[in-house]
Amino acid sequence: MGLRDRLGRILNTAGGPSHRDGIDELQVGDAAYDNWDIVRDFEDLDTARAFRQALAEQGYAAVITSDWPLDEWGRGDISLRVPAGQGIDAEEVLESD
């Protein structure tokens, strides 16, 4: 058994599985948002959350989506979306911040 295996066993038994902060905000593989406008794409969840928060503070219904689950570091193909027809306005809000 290697060091990585031993550390994995320790971490899995001490406190349960780890969850990235904000993972509950991510909609994975949810077709309900396919028609929403993509405002920006991101590689990490933390950055996407910050931009989603900026839109939410301006009154936009924004969601963070991904077609696939993220890796253990919160990285992947992540999109920030708003309801159809609001994409251009949302982009302008983000550009002005």
PDB file of N, CA and C in Angstrom:
ATOM      1  N   MET A   1       0.845  -1.167   0.000  1.00  0.00           N
ATOM      2  CA  MET A   1       0.000   0.000   0.000  1.00  0.00           C
ATOM      3  C   MET A   1       0.894   1.235   0.000  1.00  0.00           C
ATOM      4  N   GLY A   2       0.649   2.159  -0.949  1.00  0.00           N
ATOM      5  CA  GLY A   2       1.447   3.359  -1.061  1.00  0.00           C
ATOM      6  C   GLY A   2       0.962   4.470  -0.155  1.00  0.00           C
ATOM      7  N   LEU A   3       1.743   5.518  -0.112  1.00  0.00           N
ATOM      8  CA  LEU A   3       1.410   6.668   0.719  1.00  0.00           C
ATOM      9  C   LEU A   3       0.067   7.271   0.323  1.00  0.00           C
ATOM     10  N   ARG A   4      -0.179   7.365  -0.965  1.00  0.00           N
ATOM     11  CA  ARG A   4      -1.449   7.931  -1.424  1.00  0.00           C
ATOM     12  C   ARG A   4      -2.635   7.101  -0.930  1.00  0.00           C
ATOM     13  N   ASP A   5      -2.525   5.785  -0.993  1.00  0.00           N
ATOM     14  CA  ASP A   5      -3.591   4.907  -0.524  1.00  0.00           C
ATOM     15  C   ASP A   5      -3.830   5.083   0.974  1.00  0.00           C
ATOM     16  N   ARG A   6      -2.741   5.167   1.731  1.00  0.00           N
ATOM     17  CA  ARG A   6      -2.870   5.349   3.179  1.00  0.00           C
ATOM     18  C   ARG A   6      -3.533   6.675   3.531  1.00  0.00           C
ATOM     19  N   LEU A   7      -3.098   7.741   2.858  1.00  0.00           N
ATOM     20  CA  LEU A   7      -3.721   9.044   3.107  1.00  0.00           C
ATOM     21  C   LEU A   7      -5.194   9.030   2.722  1.00  0.00           C
ATOM     22  N   GLY A   8      -5.516   8.390   1.616  1.00  0.00           N
ATOM     23  CA  GLY A   8      -6.906   8.285   1.193  1.00  0.00           C
ATOM     24  C   GLY A   8      -7.756   7.574   2.218  1.00  0.00           C
ATOM     25  N   ARG A   9      -7.234   6.496   2.786  1.00  0.00           N
ATOM     26  CA  ARG A   9      -7.982   5.759   3.810  1.00  0.00           C
ATOM     27  C   ARG A   9      -8.186   6.611   5.050  1.00  0.00           C
ATOM     28  N   ILE A  10      -7.158   7.351   5.447  1.00  0.00           N
ATOM     29  CA  ILE A  10      -7.270   8.206   6.623  1.00  0.00           C
ATOM     30  C   ILE A  10      -8.308   9.297   6.393  1.00  0.00           C
ATOM     31  N   LEU A  11      -8.234   9.967   5.249  1.00  0.00           N
ATOM     32  CA  LEU A  11      -9.164  11.053   4.959  1.00  0.00           C
ATOM     33  C   LEU A  11     -10.593  10.557   4.803  1.00  0.00           C
ATOM     34  N   ASN A  12     -10.762   9.398   4.229  1.00  0.00           N
ATOM     35  CA  ASN A  12     -12.114   8.869   4.039  1.00  0.00           C
ATOM     36  C   ASN A  12     -12.752   8.416   5.342  1.00  0.00           C
ATOM     37  N   THR A  13     -11.963   8.006   6.311  1.00  0.00           N
ATOM     38  CA  THR A  13     -12.526   7.555   7.574  1.00  0.00           C
ATOM     39  C   THR A  13     -12.625   8.671   8.602  1.00  0.00           C
ATOM     40  N   ALA A  14     -11.843   9.742   8.418  1.00  0.00           N
ATOM     41  CA  ALA A  14     -11.846  10.848   9.380  1.00  0.00           C
ATOM     42  C   ALA A  14     -12.680  12.005   8.849  1.00  0.00           C
ATOM     43  N   GLY A  15     -13.966  11.928   9.023  1.00  0.00           N
ATOM     44  CA  GLY A  15     -14.812  13.045   8.638  1.00  0.00           C
ATOM     45  C   GLY A  15     -15.639  12.810   7.401  1.00  0.00           C
ATOM     46  N   GLY A  16     -15.572  11.677   6.821  1.00  0.00           N
ATOM     47  CA  GLY A  16     -16.386  11.380   5.653  1.00  0.00           C
ATOM     48  C   GLY A  16     -15.831  11.986   4.384  1.00  0.00           C
ATOM     49  N   PRO A  17     -16.588  11.891   3.309  1.00  0.00           N
ATOM     50  CA  PRO A  17     -16.098  12.396   2.028  1.00  0.00           C
ATOM     51  C   PRO A  17     -16.006  13.917   2.035  1.00  0.00           C
ATOM     52  N   SER A  18     -15.032  14.423   1.285  1.00  0.00           N
ATOM     53  CA  SER A  18     -14.879  15.869   1.220  1.00  0.00           C
ATOM     54  C   SER A  18     -15.824  16.438   0.167  1.00  0.00           C
ATOM     55  N   HIS A  19     -16.279  17.669   0.414  1.00  0.00           N
ATOM     56  CA  HIS A  19     -17.152  18.372  -0.523  1.00  0.00           C
ATOM     57  C   HIS A  19     -16.577  19.753  -0.761  1.00  0.00           C
ATOM     58  N   ARG A  20     -16.465  20.127  -2.015  1.00  0.00           N
ATOM     59  CA  ARG A  20     -15.976  21.454  -2.343  1.00  0.00           C
ATOM     60  C   ARG A  20     -17.018  22.487  -1.916  1.00  0.00           C
ATOM     61  N   ASP A  21     -16.534  23.611  -1.430  1.00  0.00           N
ATOM     62  CA  ASP A  21     -17.417  24.704  -1.058  1.00  0.00           C
ATOM     63  C   ASP A  21     -18.180  25.153  -2.295  1.00  0.00           C
ATOM     64  N   GLY A  22     -19.487  25.244  -2.195  1.00  0.00           N
ATOM     65  CA  GLY A  22     -20.302  25.712  -3.300  1.00  0.00           C
ATOM     66  C   GLY A  22     -20.774  24.637  -4.249  1.00  0.00           C
ATOM     67  N   ILE A  23     -20.421  23.390  -4.005  1.00  0.00           N
ATOM     68  CA  ILE A  23     -20.801  22.321  -4.920  1.00  0.00           C
ATOM     69  C   ILE A  23     -22.315  22.204  -5.030  1.00  0.00           C
ATOM     70  N   ASP A  24     -23.053  22.588  -3.991  1.00  0.00           N
ATOM     71  CA  ASP A  24     -24.513  22.539  -4.044  1.00  0.00           C
ATOM     72  C   ASP A  24     -25.085  23.547  -5.030  1.00  0.00           C
ATOM     73  N   GLU A  25     -24.309  24.581  -5.375  1.00  0.00           N
ATOM     74  CA  GLU A  25     -24.767  25.586  -6.329  1.00  0.00           C
ATOM     75  C   GLU A  25     -24.620  25.122  -7.774  1.00  0.00           C
ATOM     76  N   LEU A  26     -23.891  24.067  -8.017  1.00  0.00           N
ATOM     77  CA  LEU A  26     -23.600  23.590  -9.364  1.00  0.00           C
ATOM     78  C   LEU A  26     -24.685  22.643  -9.853  1.00  0.00           C
ATOM     79  N   GLN A  27     -25.219  22.922 -11.036  1.00  0.00           N
ATOM     80  CA  GLN A  27     -26.210  22.061 -11.675  1.00  0.00           C
ATOM     81  C   GLN A  27     -25.484  21.207 -12.708  1.00  0.00           C
ATOM     82  N   VAL A  28     -25.353  19.914 -12.442  1.00  0.00           N
ATOM     83  CA  VAL A  28     -24.608  19.025 -13.329  1.00  0.00           C
ATOM     84  C   VAL A  28     -25.563  18.246 -14.221  1.00  0.00           C
ATOM     85  N   GLY A  29     -25.382  18.398 -15.530  1.00  0.00           N
ATOM     86  CA  GLY A  29     -26.158  17.638 -16.499  1.00  0.00           C
ATOM     87  C   GLY A  29     -27.647  17.911 -16.467  1.00  0.00           C
ATOM     88  N   ASP A  30     -28.056  19.081 -16.024  1.00  0.00           N
ATOM     89  CA  ASP A  30     -29.480  19.413 -15.901  1.00  0.00           C
ATOM     90  C   ASP A  30     -29.953  20.098 -17.182  1.00  0.00           C
ATOM     91  N   ALA A  31     -30.740  19.390 -17.980  1.00  0.00           N
ATOM     92  CA  ALA A  31     -31.215  19.905 -19.270  1.00  0.00           C
ATOM     93  C   ALA A  31     -32.173  21.085 -19.113  1.00  0.00           C
ATOM     94  N   ALA A  32     -32.674  21.333 -17.922  1.00  0.00           N
ATOM     95  CA  ALA A  32     -33.589  22.452 -17.707  1.00  0.00           C
ATOM     96  C   ALA A  32     -32.928  23.795 -18.011  1.00  0.00           C
ATOM     97  N   TYR A  33     -31.599  23.847 -17.982  1.00  0.00           N
ATOM     98  CA  TYR A  33     -30.889  25.099 -18.220  1.00  0.00           C
ATOM     99  C   TYR A  33     -30.263  25.176 -19.613  1.00  0.00           C
ATOM    100  N   ASP A  34     -30.539  24.216 -20.469  1.00  0.00           N
ATOM    101  CA  ASP A  34     -29.946  24.204 -21.806  1.00  0.00           C
ATOM    102  C   ASP A  34     -30.345  25.419 -22.636  1.00  0.00           C
ATOM    103  N   ASN A  35     -31.536  25.957 -22.432  1.00  0.00           N
ATOM    104  CA  ASN A  35     -31.989  27.119 -23.205  1.00  0.00           C
ATOM    105  C   ASN A  35     -31.584  28.451 -22.586  1.00  0.00           C
ATOM    106  N   TRP A  36     -30.986  28.438 -21.415  1.00  0.00           N
ATOM    107  CA  TRP A  36     -30.538  29.671 -20.778  1.00  0.00           C
ATOM    108  C   TRP A  36     -29.292  30.180 -21.511  1.00  0.00           C
ATOM    109  N   ASP A  37     -29.100  31.490 -21.512  1.00  0.00           N
ATOM    110  CA  ASP A  37     -27.942  32.107 -22.158  1.00  0.00           C
ATOM    111  C   ASP A  37     -26.681  31.866 -21.335  1.00  0.00           C
ATOM    112  N   ILE A  38     -25.615  31.514 -22.011  1.00  0.00           N
ATOM    113  CA  ILE A  38     -24.315  31.389 -21.346  1.00  0.00           C
ATOM    114  C   ILE A  38     -23.668  32.766 -21.327  1.00  0.00           C
ATOM    115  N   VAL A  39     -23.355  33.231 -20.125  1.00  0.00           N
ATOM    116  CA  VAL A  39     -22.735  34.540 -19.961  1.00  0.00           C
ATOM    117  C   VAL A  39     -21.215  34.410 -20.038  1.00  0.00           C
ATOM    118  N   ARG A  40     -20.686  33.420 -19.338  1.00  0.00           N
ATOM    119  CA  ARG A  40     -19.236  33.175 -19.337  1.00  0.00           C
ATOM    120  C   ARG A  40     -18.974  31.710 -19.039  1.00  0.00           C
ATOM    121  N   ASP A  41     -17.806  31.256 -19.483  1.00  0.00           N
ATOM    122  CA  ASP A  41     -17.333  29.911 -19.153  1.00  0.00           C
ATOM    123  C   ASP A  41     -16.143  30.033 -18.212  1.00  0.00           C
ATOM    124  N   PHE A  42     -16.031  29.060 -17.312  1.00  0.00           N
ATOM    125  CA  PHE A  42     -14.964  29.057 -16.314  1.00  0.00           C
ATOM    126  C   PHE A  42     -14.354  27.670 -16.207  1.00  0.00           C
ATOM    127  N   GLU A  43     -13.161  27.625 -15.640  1.00  0.00           N
ATOM    128  CA  GLU A  43     -12.505  26.348 -15.398  1.00  0.00           C
ATOM    129  C   GLU A  43     -12.580  25.928 -13.943  1.00  0.00           C
ATOM    130  N   ASP A  44     -12.909  26.879 -13.042  1.00  0.00           N
ATOM    131  CA  ASP A  44     -12.974  26.512 -11.622  1.00  0.00           C
ATOM    132  C   ASP A  44     -14.248  27.052 -10.979  1.00  0.00           C
ATOM    133  N   LEU A  45     -14.734  26.319 -10.004  1.00  0.00           N
ATOM    134  CA  LEU A  45     -15.995  26.616  -9.344  1.00  0.00           C
ATOM    135  C   LEU A  45     -15.945  27.909  -8.541  1.00  0.00           C
ATOM    136  N   ASP A  46     -14.843  28.184  -7.875  1.00  0.00           N
ATOM    137  CA  ASP A  46     -14.756  29.389  -7.046  1.00  0.00           C
ATOM    138  C   ASP A  46     -14.942  30.665  -7.866  1.00  0.00           C
ATOM    139  N   THR A  47     -14.316  30.717  -9.035  1.00  0.00           N
ATOM    140  CA  THR A  47     -14.454  31.896  -9.894  1.00  0.00           C
ATOM    141  C   THR A  47     -15.883  32.021 -10.408  1.00  0.00           C
ATOM    142  N   ALA A  48     -16.463  30.917 -10.826  1.00  0.00           N
ATOM    143  CA  ALA A  48     -17.850  30.929 -11.305  1.00  0.00           C
ATOM    144  C   ALA A  48     -18.800  31.409 -10.212  1.00  0.00           C
ATOM    145  N   ARG A  49     -18.570  30.969  -8.986  1.00  0.00           N
ATOM    146  CA  ARG A  49     -19.421  31.383  -7.859  1.00  0.00           C
ATOM    147  C   ARG A  49     -19.326  32.887  -7.631  1.00  0.00           C
ATOM    148  N   ALA A  50     -18.133  33.454  -7.741  1.00  0.00           N
ATOM    149  CA  ALA A  50     -17.952  34.893  -7.532  1.00  0.00           C
ATOM    150  C   ALA A  50     -18.732  35.686  -8.584  1.00  0.00           C
ATOM    151  N   PHE A  51     -18.671  35.258  -9.830  1.00  0.00           N
ATOM    152  CA  PHE A  51     -19.396  35.958 -10.881  1.00  0.00           C
ATOM    153  C   PHE A  51     -20.906  35.743 -10.749  1.00  0.00           C
ATOM    154  N   ARG A  52     -21.327  34.556 -10.332  1.00  0.00           N
ATOM    155  CA  ARG A  52     -22.750  34.315 -10.109  1.00  0.00           C
ATOM    156  C   ARG A  52     -23.265  35.224  -8.998  1.00  0.00           C
ATOM    157  N   GLN A  53     -22.486  35.379  -7.956  1.00  0.00           N
ATOM    158  CA  GLN A  53     -22.863  36.253  -6.840  1.00  0.00           C
ATOM    159  C   GLN A  53     -23.000  37.705  -7.303  1.00  0.00           C
ATOM    160  N   ALA A  54     -22.094  38.145  -8.161  1.00  0.00           N
ATOM    161  CA  ALA A  54     -22.170  39.517  -8.680  1.00  0.00           C
ATOM    162  C   ALA A  54     -23.467  39.726  -9.460  1.00  0.00           C
ATOM    163  N   LEU A  55     -23.868  38.743 -10.240  1.00  0.00           N
ATOM    164  CA  LEU A  55     -25.134  38.858 -10.971  1.00  0.00           C
ATOM    165  C   LEU A  55     -26.331  38.802 -10.027  1.00  0.00           C
ATOM    166  N   ALA A  56     -26.271  37.914  -9.046  1.00  0.00           N
ATOM    167  CA  ALA A  56     -27.375  37.789  -8.091  1.00  0.00           C
ATOM    168  C   ALA A  56     -27.583  39.093  -7.326  1.00  0.00           C
ATOM    169  N   GLU A  57     -26.502  39.774  -6.985  1.00  0.00           N
ATOM    170  CA  GLU A  57     -26.600  41.052  -6.280  1.00  0.00           C
ATOM    171  C   GLU A  57     -27.267  42.127  -7.130  1.00  0.00           C
ATOM    172  N   GLN A  58     -27.233  41.955  -8.451  1.00  0.00           N
ATOM    173  CA  GLN A  58     -27.884  42.889  -9.368  1.00  0.00           C
ATOM    174  C   GLN A  58     -29.289  42.422  -9.747  1.00  0.00           C
ATOM    175  N   GLY A  59     -29.776  41.345  -9.115  1.00  0.00           N
ATOM    176  CA  GLY A  59     -31.135  40.883  -9.327  1.00  0.00           C
ATOM    177  C   GLY A  59     -31.318  39.850 -10.426  1.00  0.00           C
ATOM    178  N   TYR A  60     -30.243  39.298 -10.937  1.00  0.00           N
ATOM    179  CA  TYR A  60     -30.339  38.283 -11.990  1.00  0.00           C
ATOM    180  C   TYR A  60     -30.486  36.888 -11.388  1.00  0.00           C
ATOM    181  N   ALA A  61     -31.319  36.090 -12.020  1.00  0.00           N
ATOM    182  CA  ALA A  61     -31.417  34.674 -11.670  1.00  0.00           C
ATOM    183  C   ALA A  61     -30.323  33.969 -12.450  1.00  0.00           C
ATOM    184  N   ALA A  62     -29.213  33.701 -11.811  1.00  0.00           N
ATOM    185  CA  ALA A  62     -28.061  33.095 -12.484  1.00  0.00           C
ATOM    186  C   ALA A  62     -27.776  31.724 -11.876  1.00  0.00           C
ATOM    187  N   VAL A  63     -27.352  30.800 -12.726  1.00  0.00           N
ATOM    188  CA  VAL A  63     -26.994  29.459 -12.262  1.00  0.00           C
ATOM    189  C   VAL A  63     -25.635  29.075 -12.824  1.00  0.00           C
ATOM    190  N   ILE A  64     -24.999  28.158 -12.127  1.00  0.00           N
ATOM    191  CA  ILE A  64     -23.721  27.610 -12.568  1.00  0.00           C
ATOM    192  C   ILE A  64     -23.996  26.186 -13.032  1.00  0.00           C
ATOM    193  N   THR A  65     -23.593  25.870 -14.261  1.00  0.00           N
ATOM    194  CA  THR A  65     -23.868  24.547 -14.814  1.00  0.00           C
ATOM    195  C   THR A  65     -22.595  23.884 -15.329  1.00  0.00           C
ATOM    196  N   SER A  66     -22.678  22.574 -15.426  1.00  0.00           N
ATOM    197  CA  SER A  66     -21.617  21.781 -16.036  1.00  0.00           C
ATOM    198  C   SER A  66     -22.251  20.515 -16.602  1.00  0.00           C
ATOM    199  N   ASP A  67     -21.757  20.093 -17.741  1.00  0.00           N
ATOM    200  CA  ASP A  67     -22.272  18.859 -18.327  1.00  0.00           C
ATOM    201  C   ASP A  67     -21.748  17.623 -17.602  1.00  0.00           C
ATOM    202  N   TRP A  68     -20.608  17.781 -16.926  1.00  0.00           N
ATOM    203  CA  TRP A  68     -19.950  16.651 -16.267  1.00  0.00           C
ATOM    204  C   TRP A  68     -19.583  17.036 -14.842  1.00  0.00           C
ATOM    205  N   PRO A  69     -19.484  16.077 -13.944  1.00  0.00           N
ATOM    206  CA  PRO A  69     -19.017  16.371 -12.583  1.00  0.00           C
ATOM    207  C   PRO A  69     -17.611  16.971 -12.613  1.00  0.00           C
ATOM    208  N   LEU A  70     -17.323  17.844 -11.659  1.00  0.00           N
ATOM    209  CA  LEU A  70     -16.011  18.471 -11.572  1.00  0.00           C
ATOM    210  C   LEU A  70     -15.004  17.516 -10.949  1.00  0.00           C
ATOM    211  N   ASP A  71     -13.735  17.829 -11.118  1.00  0.00           N
ATOM    212  CA  ASP A  71     -12.715  17.004 -10.487  1.00  0.00           C
ATOM    213  C   ASP A  71     -12.639  17.328  -9.001  1.00  0.00           C
ATOM    214  N   GLU A  72     -11.735  16.690  -8.294  1.00  0.00           N
ATOM    215  CA  GLU A  72     -11.665  16.848  -6.845  1.00  0.00           C
ATOM    216  C   GLU A  72     -11.221  18.239  -6.403  1.00  0.00           C
ATOM    217  N   TRP A  73     -10.714  19.063  -7.325  1.00  0.00           N
ATOM    218  CA  TRP A  73     -10.283  20.418  -6.995  1.00  0.00           C
ATOM    219  C   TRP A  73     -11.296  21.466  -7.443  1.00  0.00           C
ATOM    220  N   GLY A  74     -12.486  21.032  -7.870  1.00  0.00           N
ATOM    221  CA  GLY A  74     -13.523  21.964  -8.299  1.00  0.00           C
ATOM    222  C   GLY A  74     -13.283  22.536  -9.676  1.00  0.00           C
ATOM    223  N   ARG A  75     -12.584  21.795 -10.517  1.00  0.00           N
ATOM    224  CA  ARG A  75     -12.275  22.259 -11.870  1.00  0.00           C
ATOM    225  C   ARG A  75     -13.025  21.432 -12.906  1.00  0.00           C
ATOM    226  N   GLY A  76     -13.339  22.076 -14.008  1.00  0.00           N
ATOM    227  CA  GLY A  76     -14.022  21.400 -15.095  1.00  0.00           C
ATOM    228  C   GLY A  76     -14.522  22.409 -16.106  1.00  0.00           C
ATOM    229  N   ASP A  77     -15.459  22.005 -16.919  1.00  0.00           N
ATOM    230  CA  ASP A  77     -16.064  22.868 -17.933  1.00  0.00           C
ATOM    231  C   ASP A  77     -17.343  23.456 -17.330  1.00  0.00           C
ATOM    232  N   ILE A  78     -17.246  24.683 -16.814  1.00  0.00           N
ATOM    233  CA  ILE A  78     -18.310  25.308 -16.033  1.00  0.00           C
ATOM    234  C   ILE A  78     -18.861  26.517 -16.787  1.00  0.00           C
ATOM    235  N   SER A  79     -20.182  26.660 -16.794  1.00  0.00           N
ATOM    236  CA  SER A  79     -20.815  27.802 -17.456  1.00  0.00           C
ATOM    237  C   SER A  79     -21.681  28.570 -16.468  1.00  0.00           C
ATOM    238  N   LEU A  80     -21.665  29.888 -16.601  1.00  0.00           N
ATOM    239  CA  LEU A  80     -22.558  30.764 -15.857  1.00  0.00           C
ATOM    240  C   LEU A  80     -23.694  31.131 -16.796  1.00  0.00           C
ATOM    241  N   ARG A  81     -24.918  30.844 -16.394  1.00  0.00           N
ATOM    242  CA  ARG A  81     -26.074  31.049 -17.272  1.00  0.00           C
ATOM    243  C   ARG A  81     -27.130  31.929 -16.604  1.00  0.00           C
ATOM    244  N   VAL A  82     -27.861  32.641 -17.473  1.00  0.00           N
ATOM    245  CA  VAL A  82     -29.019  33.430 -17.052  1.00  0.00           C
ATOM    246  C   VAL A  82     -30.179  33.061 -17.963  1.00  0.00           C
ATOM    247  N   PRO A  83     -31.417  33.371 -17.559  1.00  0.00           N
ATOM    248  CA  PRO A  83     -32.564  33.027 -18.410  1.00  0.00           C
ATOM    249  C   PRO A  83     -32.412  33.591 -19.827  1.00  0.00           C
ATOM    250  N   ALA A  84     -32.981  32.890 -20.793  1.00  0.00           N
ATOM    251  CA  ALA A  84     -32.895  33.281 -22.202  1.00  0.00           C
ATOM    252  C   ALA A  84     -33.322  34.738 -22.386  1.00  0.00           C
ATOM    253  N   GLY A  85     -32.537  35.452 -23.173  1.00  0.00           N
ATOM    254  CA  GLY A  85     -32.828  36.855 -23.460  1.00  0.00           C
ATOM    255  C   GLY A  85     -32.157  37.840 -22.521  1.00  0.00           C
ATOM    256  N   GLN A  86     -31.540  37.357 -21.448  1.00  0.00           N
ATOM    257  CA  GLN A  86     -30.905  38.249 -20.474  1.00  0.00           C
ATOM    258  C   GLN A  86     -29.373  38.225 -20.570  1.00  0.00           C
ATOM    259  N   GLY A  87     -28.837  37.428 -21.477  1.00  0.00           N
ATOM    260  CA  GLY A  87     -27.388  37.245 -21.556  1.00  0.00           C
ATOM    261  C   GLY A  87     -26.604  38.511 -21.826  1.00  0.00           C
ATOM    262  N   ILE A  88     -27.042  39.309 -22.798  1.00  0.00           N
ATOM    263  CA  ILE A  88     -26.313  40.529 -23.148  1.00  0.00           C
ATOM    264  C   ILE A  88     -26.316  41.515 -21.986  1.00  0.00           C
ATOM    265  N   ASP A  89     -27.467  41.679 -21.349  1.00  0.00           N
ATOM    266  CA  ASP A  89     -27.544  42.583 -20.191  1.00  0.00           C
ATOM    267  C   ASP A  89     -26.661  42.095 -19.045  1.00  0.00           C
ATOM    268  N   ALA A  90     -26.653  40.796 -18.809  1.00  0.00           N
ATOM    269  CA  ALA A  90     -25.826  40.234 -17.735  1.00  0.00           C
ATOM    270  C   ALA A  90     -24.345  40.427 -18.034  1.00  0.00           C
ATOM    271  N   GLU A  91     -23.948  40.253 -19.293  1.00  0.00           N
ATOM    272  CA  GLU A  91     -22.547  40.478 -19.671  1.00  0.00           C
ATOM    273  C   GLU A  91     -22.155  41.928 -19.413  1.00  0.00           C
ATOM    274  N   GLU A  92     -23.052  42.856 -19.724  1.00  0.00           N
ATOM    275  CA  GLU A  92     -22.765  44.272 -19.487  1.00  0.00           C
ATOM    276  C   GLU A  92     -22.589  44.570 -18.007  1.00  0.00           C
ATOM    277  N   VAL A  93     -23.399  43.934 -17.165  1.00  0.00           N
ATOM    278  CA  VAL A  93     -23.268  44.115 -15.723  1.00  0.00           C
ATOM    279  C   VAL A  93     -21.887  43.645 -15.256  1.00  0.00           C
ATOM    280  N   LEU A  94     -21.461  42.501 -15.753  1.00  0.00           N
ATOM    281  CA  LEU A  94     -20.166  41.965 -15.343  1.00  0.00           C
ATOM    282  C   LEU A  94     -19.008  42.808 -15.880  1.00  0.00           C
ATOM    283  N   GLU A  95     -19.164  43.355 -17.061  1.00  0.00           N
ATOM    284  CA  GLU A  95     -18.117  44.217 -17.640  1.00  0.00           C
ATOM    285  C   GLU A  95     -17.969  45.511 -16.852  1.00  0.00           C
ATOM    286  N   SER A  96     -19.064  46.007 -16.289  1.00  0.00           N
ATOM    287  CA  SER A  96     -19.022  47.280 -15.567  1.00  0.00           C
ATOM    288  C   SER A  96     -18.445  47.147 -14.166  1.00  0.00           C
ATOM    289  N   ASP A  97     -18.387  45.909 -13.629  1.00  0.00           N
ATOM    290  CA  ASP A  97     -17.846  45.718 -12.271  1.00  0.00           C
ATOM    291  C   ASP A  97     -16.353  45.736 -12.244  1.00  0.00           C
TER     292      ASP A  97
END
